[in-house]
Amino acid sequence: MRIEDLGKRALFLIPSVKVYNRKYSKTRQNVARTIHNFLTDTFCGYTCASGNIFGFFAAEENQYDELREFRVAFKEDEARTKVPQLQEFLAKICEDIGEECIYLECGEDAMLVYP
């Protein structure tokens, strides 16, 4: 038997409709392609889950979204740059698609990333 340690894990959630429809992108970019390129370049791969993933969010009025879940695994270098790179990327995506924030989990930590 062989086991390979993949290191830490991170996952984030983005509304499905905003991942696959360019009309939600202020720059009219293909958000799915942008996410794909960043995750494969930075983390050498990812998994994406769809289906019955939804969330309710408390705001001025309660909000509901159907979500796409992206997961990566990574080994952190001594400079610990992977999580900040992911946070910066998500902040840019958040701004581009007009979301208030994006939910991100890194290991056991959960956070909201704002533009």
N, C-alpha and C. Protein backbone atom coordinates (compact mmCIF):
# COMPACT_ATOMS: atom_id res chain seq x y z
N MET A 1 0.85 -1.18 0.00
CA MET A 1 0.00 0.00 0.00
C MET A 1 0.89 1.23 0.00
N ARG A 2 0.43 2.27 -0.70
CA ARG A 2 1.15 3.54 -0.77
C ARG A 2 0.18 4.66 -0.45
N ILE A 3 0.59 5.58 0.41
CA ILE A 3 -0.22 6.75 0.75
C ILE A 3 0.62 7.99 0.54
N GLU A 4 0.06 8.96 -0.13
CA GLU A 4 0.76 10.22 -0.38
C GLU A 4 0.03 11.34 0.35
N ASP A 5 0.76 12.08 1.18
CA ASP A 5 0.19 13.21 1.90
C ASP A 5 0.04 14.39 0.95
N LEU A 6 -1.16 14.91 0.83
CA LEU A 6 -1.40 16.05 -0.05
C LEU A 6 -1.35 17.39 0.68
N GLY A 7 -1.15 17.34 2.00
CA GLY A 7 -1.01 18.58 2.76
C GLY A 7 -2.32 19.11 3.27
N LYS A 8 -2.48 20.42 3.16
CA LYS A 8 -3.67 21.09 3.66
C LYS A 8 -4.76 21.09 2.60
N ARG A 9 -5.96 21.48 3.03
CA ARG A 9 -7.06 21.57 2.08
C ARG A 9 -7.74 22.91 2.21
N ALA A 10 -8.33 23.33 1.13
CA ALA A 10 -9.12 24.55 1.12
C ALA A 10 -10.32 24.32 0.21
N LEU A 11 -11.42 24.95 0.56
CA LEU A 11 -12.59 24.90 -0.31
C LEU A 11 -13.27 26.26 -0.28
N PHE A 12 -13.91 26.58 -1.39
CA PHE A 12 -14.68 27.81 -1.45
C PHE A 12 -15.94 27.58 -2.24
N LEU A 13 -16.92 28.44 -2.00
CA LEU A 13 -18.24 28.34 -2.62
C LEU A 13 -18.54 29.60 -3.42
N ILE A 14 -19.05 29.39 -4.64
CA ILE A 14 -19.45 30.51 -5.50
C ILE A 14 -20.81 30.17 -6.10
N PRO A 15 -21.72 31.15 -6.17
CA PRO A 15 -23.01 30.88 -6.79
C PRO A 15 -22.85 30.29 -8.19
N SER A 16 -23.51 29.16 -8.43
CA SER A 16 -23.35 28.44 -9.70
C SER A 16 -23.63 29.31 -10.91
N VAL A 17 -24.70 30.08 -10.86
CA VAL A 17 -25.08 30.89 -12.01
C VAL A 17 -23.97 31.89 -12.37
N LYS A 18 -23.23 32.37 -11.39
CA LYS A 18 -22.19 33.36 -11.65
C LYS A 18 -20.89 32.73 -12.14
N VAL A 19 -20.76 31.43 -11.95
CA VAL A 19 -19.57 30.74 -12.45
C VAL A 19 -19.67 30.53 -13.96
N TYR A 20 -20.87 30.23 -14.44
CA TYR A 20 -21.02 29.79 -15.83
C TYR A 20 -21.72 30.77 -16.76
N ASN A 21 -22.07 31.95 -16.28
CA ASN A 21 -22.75 32.92 -17.13
C ASN A 21 -21.97 34.22 -17.13
N ARG A 22 -21.40 34.56 -18.27
CA ARG A 22 -20.55 35.76 -18.39
C ARG A 22 -21.28 37.06 -18.07
N LYS A 23 -22.59 37.06 -18.14
CA LYS A 23 -23.32 38.31 -17.89
C LYS A 23 -23.14 38.80 -16.46
N TYR A 24 -22.71 37.94 -15.54
CA TYR A 24 -22.48 38.35 -14.16
C TYR A 24 -21.07 38.88 -13.94
N SER A 25 -20.22 38.77 -14.94
CA SER A 25 -18.84 39.25 -14.83
C SER A 25 -18.74 40.67 -15.35
N LYS A 26 -18.28 41.60 -14.52
CA LYS A 26 -18.11 42.99 -14.94
C LYS A 26 -17.13 43.10 -16.10
N THR A 27 -16.14 42.19 -16.14
CA THR A 27 -15.13 42.22 -17.20
C THR A 27 -15.50 41.30 -18.35
N ARG A 28 -16.68 40.65 -18.24
CA ARG A 28 -17.19 39.71 -19.24
C ARG A 28 -16.23 38.53 -19.46
N GLN A 29 -15.47 38.22 -18.42
CA GLN A 29 -14.58 37.06 -18.52
C GLN A 29 -15.36 35.77 -18.32
N ASN A 30 -14.80 34.68 -18.78
CA ASN A 30 -15.33 33.36 -18.53
C ASN A 30 -14.85 32.97 -17.14
N VAL A 31 -15.69 33.14 -16.12
CA VAL A 31 -15.29 32.93 -14.73
C VAL A 31 -14.88 31.49 -14.49
N ALA A 32 -15.59 30.54 -15.09
CA ALA A 32 -15.22 29.13 -14.93
C ALA A 32 -13.81 28.88 -15.44
N ARG A 33 -13.46 29.45 -16.58
CA ARG A 33 -12.12 29.28 -17.17
C ARG A 33 -11.08 29.98 -16.29
N THR A 34 -11.40 31.16 -15.78
CA THR A 34 -10.48 31.90 -14.92
C THR A 34 -10.17 31.10 -13.66
N ILE A 35 -11.22 30.54 -13.03
CA ILE A 35 -11.02 29.71 -11.84
C ILE A 35 -10.20 28.49 -12.18
N HIS A 36 -10.55 27.82 -13.27
CA HIS A 36 -9.81 26.62 -13.70
C HIS A 36 -8.32 26.93 -13.88
N ASN A 37 -8.03 27.98 -14.60
CA ASN A 37 -6.62 28.34 -14.87
C ASN A 37 -5.87 28.65 -13.58
N PHE A 38 -6.48 29.43 -12.70
CA PHE A 38 -5.81 29.78 -11.44
C PHE A 38 -5.55 28.53 -10.59
N LEU A 39 -6.56 27.69 -10.42
CA LEU A 39 -6.40 26.53 -9.55
C LEU A 39 -5.42 25.50 -10.11
N THR A 40 -5.43 25.30 -11.41
CA THR A 40 -4.47 24.35 -11.98
C THR A 40 -3.05 24.92 -11.96
N ASP A 41 -2.92 26.21 -12.22
CA ASP A 41 -1.58 26.83 -12.19
C ASP A 41 -1.02 26.92 -10.77
N THR A 42 -1.85 27.25 -9.80
CA THR A 42 -1.40 27.49 -8.43
C THR A 42 -1.35 26.23 -7.59
N PHE A 43 -2.33 25.35 -7.78
CA PHE A 43 -2.44 24.17 -6.92
C PHE A 43 -2.29 22.85 -7.68
N CYS A 44 -2.02 22.92 -8.98
CA CYS A 44 -1.83 21.74 -9.83
C CYS A 44 -3.08 20.87 -9.93
N GLY A 45 -4.24 21.43 -9.67
CA GLY A 45 -5.49 20.69 -9.82
C GLY A 45 -6.52 21.11 -8.80
N TYR A 46 -7.71 20.58 -8.95
CA TYR A 46 -8.82 20.88 -8.04
C TYR A 46 -9.95 19.89 -8.29
N THR A 47 -10.91 19.90 -7.42
CA THR A 47 -12.16 19.19 -7.67
C THR A 47 -13.29 20.21 -7.55
N CYS A 48 -14.37 19.91 -8.24
CA CYS A 48 -15.52 20.80 -8.23
C CYS A 48 -16.76 19.96 -8.01
N ALA A 49 -17.58 20.37 -7.06
CA ALA A 49 -18.81 19.65 -6.76
C ALA A 49 -20.00 20.52 -7.11
N SER A 50 -20.99 19.89 -7.69
CA SER A 50 -22.23 20.58 -7.96
C SER A 50 -23.36 19.65 -7.57
N GLY A 51 -24.53 20.14 -7.65
CA GLY A 51 -25.67 19.31 -7.27
C GLY A 51 -26.49 20.02 -6.23
N ASN A 52 -26.77 19.35 -5.15
CA ASN A 52 -27.64 19.90 -4.13
C ASN A 52 -26.82 20.66 -3.08
N ILE A 53 -26.08 21.67 -3.52
CA ILE A 53 -25.31 22.52 -2.62
C ILE A 53 -26.00 23.87 -2.60
N PHE A 54 -26.49 24.25 -1.44
CA PHE A 54 -27.18 25.53 -1.34
C PHE A 54 -26.90 26.14 0.02
N GLY A 55 -27.15 27.42 0.14
CA GLY A 55 -26.91 28.09 1.41
C GLY A 55 -27.88 29.22 1.63
N PHE A 56 -28.11 29.49 2.88
CA PHE A 56 -28.92 30.63 3.29
C PHE A 56 -27.99 31.59 4.02
N PHE A 57 -28.15 32.87 3.76
CA PHE A 57 -27.26 33.86 4.32
C PHE A 57 -28.07 34.99 4.94
N ALA A 58 -27.76 35.33 6.18
CA ALA A 58 -28.46 36.41 6.86
C ALA A 58 -27.89 37.74 6.39
N ALA A 59 -28.73 38.60 5.94
CA ALA A 59 -28.37 39.95 5.52
C ALA A 59 -29.56 40.83 5.88
N GLU A 60 -29.69 41.98 5.23
CA GLU A 60 -30.86 42.82 5.48
C GLU A 60 -32.13 42.00 5.27
N GLU A 61 -32.12 41.19 4.24
CA GLU A 61 -33.15 40.18 4.07
C GLU A 61 -32.44 38.88 3.77
N ASN A 62 -32.99 37.77 4.24
CA ASN A 62 -32.33 36.48 4.04
C ASN A 62 -32.14 36.20 2.56
N GLN A 63 -30.99 35.62 2.23
CA GLN A 63 -30.68 35.31 0.85
C GLN A 63 -30.42 33.82 0.70
N TYR A 64 -30.65 33.33 -0.50
CA TYR A 64 -30.48 31.92 -0.82
C TYR A 64 -29.67 31.82 -2.10
N ASP A 65 -28.73 30.89 -2.16
CA ASP A 65 -27.95 30.65 -3.37
C ASP A 65 -27.75 29.16 -3.57
N GLU A 66 -27.73 28.75 -4.84
CA GLU A 66 -27.26 27.42 -5.21
C GLU A 66 -25.80 27.60 -5.57
N LEU A 67 -24.97 26.73 -5.04
CA LEU A 67 -23.53 26.98 -5.06
C LEU A 67 -22.74 25.90 -5.78
N ARG A 68 -21.58 26.29 -6.24
CA ARG A 68 -20.57 25.38 -6.79
C ARG A 68 -19.45 25.35 -5.76
N GLU A 69 -18.98 24.17 -5.41
CA GLU A 69 -17.93 24.01 -4.42
C GLU A 69 -16.63 23.61 -5.11
N PHE A 70 -15.58 24.36 -4.85
CA PHE A 70 -14.26 24.06 -5.39
C PHE A 70 -13.34 23.67 -4.23
N ARG A 71 -12.55 22.60 -4.44
CA ARG A 71 -11.61 22.12 -3.41
C ARG A 71 -10.22 21.98 -3.99
N VAL A 72 -9.25 22.32 -3.16
CA VAL A 72 -7.84 22.10 -3.53
C VAL A 72 -7.11 21.50 -2.34
N ALA A 73 -6.03 20.82 -2.63
CA ALA A 73 -5.12 20.32 -1.60
C ALA A 73 -3.74 20.86 -1.95
N PHE A 74 -2.96 21.18 -0.94
CA PHE A 74 -1.65 21.80 -1.23
C PHE A 74 -0.70 21.63 -0.07
N LYS A 75 0.57 21.62 -0.39
CA LYS A 75 1.61 21.68 0.62
C LYS A 75 2.12 23.10 0.64
N GLU A 76 2.13 23.68 1.81
CA GLU A 76 2.53 25.08 1.96
C GLU A 76 4.04 25.17 1.99
N ASP A 77 4.58 26.20 1.35
CA ASP A 77 6.01 26.43 1.39
C ASP A 77 6.36 27.24 2.65
N GLU A 78 7.64 27.46 2.87
CA GLU A 78 8.05 28.18 4.08
C GLU A 78 7.50 29.60 4.13
N ALA A 79 7.33 30.22 2.99
CA ALA A 79 6.81 31.59 2.94
C ALA A 79 5.30 31.65 3.16
N ARG A 80 4.65 30.51 3.17
CA ARG A 80 3.20 30.40 3.39
C ARG A 80 2.41 31.32 2.45
N THR A 81 2.61 31.12 1.16
CA THR A 81 1.99 32.00 0.17
C THR A 81 0.70 31.47 -0.44
N LYS A 82 0.42 30.20 -0.30
CA LYS A 82 -0.73 29.61 -1.01
C LYS A 82 -2.06 30.19 -0.55
N VAL A 83 -2.30 30.25 0.74
CA VAL A 83 -3.59 30.76 1.24
C VAL A 83 -3.75 32.24 0.88
N PRO A 84 -2.74 33.10 1.11
CA PRO A 84 -2.91 34.50 0.69
C PRO A 84 -3.14 34.65 -0.82
N GLN A 85 -2.51 33.82 -1.63
CA GLN A 85 -2.75 33.86 -3.08
C GLN A 85 -4.20 33.52 -3.38
N LEU A 86 -4.72 32.49 -2.73
CA LEU A 86 -6.11 32.10 -2.94
C LEU A 86 -7.06 33.20 -2.46
N GLN A 87 -6.78 33.79 -1.31
CA GLN A 87 -7.63 34.87 -0.79
C GLN A 87 -7.64 36.07 -1.75
N GLU A 88 -6.48 36.44 -2.26
CA GLU A 88 -6.40 37.57 -3.20
C GLU A 88 -7.17 37.26 -4.48
N PHE A 89 -7.02 36.05 -4.98
CA PHE A 89 -7.74 35.64 -6.18
C PHE A 89 -9.25 35.70 -5.96
N LEU A 90 -9.70 35.16 -4.83
CA LEU A 90 -11.14 35.15 -4.54
C LEU A 90 -11.68 36.57 -4.35
N ALA A 91 -10.89 37.45 -3.77
CA ALA A 91 -11.32 38.85 -3.63
C ALA A 91 -11.54 39.48 -5.00
N LYS A 92 -10.69 39.17 -5.96
CA LYS A 92 -10.84 39.70 -7.32
C LYS A 92 -12.07 39.11 -8.01
N ILE A 93 -12.27 37.81 -7.85
CA ILE A 93 -13.46 37.17 -8.43
C ILE A 93 -14.72 37.75 -7.80
N CYS A 94 -14.69 37.93 -6.50
CA CYS A 94 -15.82 38.49 -5.75
C CYS A 94 -16.20 39.86 -6.33
N GLU A 95 -15.23 40.70 -6.53
CA GLU A 95 -15.46 42.03 -7.11
C GLU A 95 -16.03 41.91 -8.51
N ASP A 96 -15.45 41.04 -9.32
CA ASP A 96 -15.85 40.91 -10.72
C ASP A 96 -17.29 40.42 -10.87
N ILE A 97 -17.72 39.50 -10.03
CA ILE A 97 -19.07 38.94 -10.19
C ILE A 97 -20.11 39.63 -9.30
N GLY A 98 -19.69 40.65 -8.58
CA GLY A 98 -20.64 41.44 -7.79
C GLY A 98 -21.14 40.76 -6.53
N GLU A 99 -20.35 39.88 -5.97
CA GLU A 99 -20.72 39.25 -4.70
C GLU A 99 -20.22 40.11 -3.55
N GLU A 100 -20.94 40.11 -2.45
CA GLU A 100 -20.47 40.83 -1.27
C GLU A 100 -19.23 40.16 -0.69
N CYS A 101 -19.23 38.82 -0.68
CA CYS A 101 -18.09 38.06 -0.16
C CYS A 101 -18.17 36.63 -0.68
N ILE A 102 -17.08 35.89 -0.49
CA ILE A 102 -16.99 34.48 -0.86
C ILE A 102 -16.57 33.70 0.37
N TYR A 103 -17.28 32.59 0.62
CA TYR A 103 -16.99 31.72 1.75
C TYR A 103 -15.78 30.85 1.41
N LEU A 104 -14.82 30.79 2.35
CA LEU A 104 -13.58 30.02 2.16
C LEU A 104 -13.26 29.26 3.43
N GLU A 105 -12.91 27.99 3.29
CA GLU A 105 -12.40 27.19 4.40
C GLU A 105 -10.97 26.79 4.07
N CYS A 106 -10.09 26.95 5.04
CA CYS A 106 -8.71 26.50 4.93
C CYS A 106 -8.42 25.66 6.16
N GLY A 107 -8.30 24.34 5.97
CA GLY A 107 -8.14 23.46 7.12
C GLY A 107 -9.38 23.57 7.99
N GLU A 108 -9.19 23.90 9.25
CA GLU A 108 -10.33 24.04 10.17
C GLU A 108 -10.80 25.49 10.28
N ASP A 109 -10.18 26.39 9.57
CA ASP A 109 -10.56 27.81 9.62
C ASP A 109 -11.59 28.11 8.53
N ALA A 110 -12.61 28.87 8.90
CA ALA A 110 -13.62 29.33 7.94
C ALA A 110 -13.58 30.85 7.94
N MET A 111 -13.74 31.44 6.75
CA MET A 111 -13.67 32.90 6.63
C MET A 111 -14.50 33.38 5.46
N LEU A 112 -14.78 34.66 5.47
CA LEU A 112 -15.41 35.33 4.34
C LEU A 112 -14.37 36.23 3.71
N VAL A 113 -14.24 36.15 2.39
CA VAL A 113 -13.30 36.98 1.65
C VAL A 113 -14.08 38.06 0.94
N TYR A 114 -13.75 39.30 1.23
CA TYR A 114 -14.41 40.46 0.63
C TYR A 114 -13.48 41.07 -0.41
N PRO A 115 -14.07 41.79 -1.38
CA PRO A 115 -13.21 42.44 -2.40
C PRO A 115 -12.31 43.51 -1.78
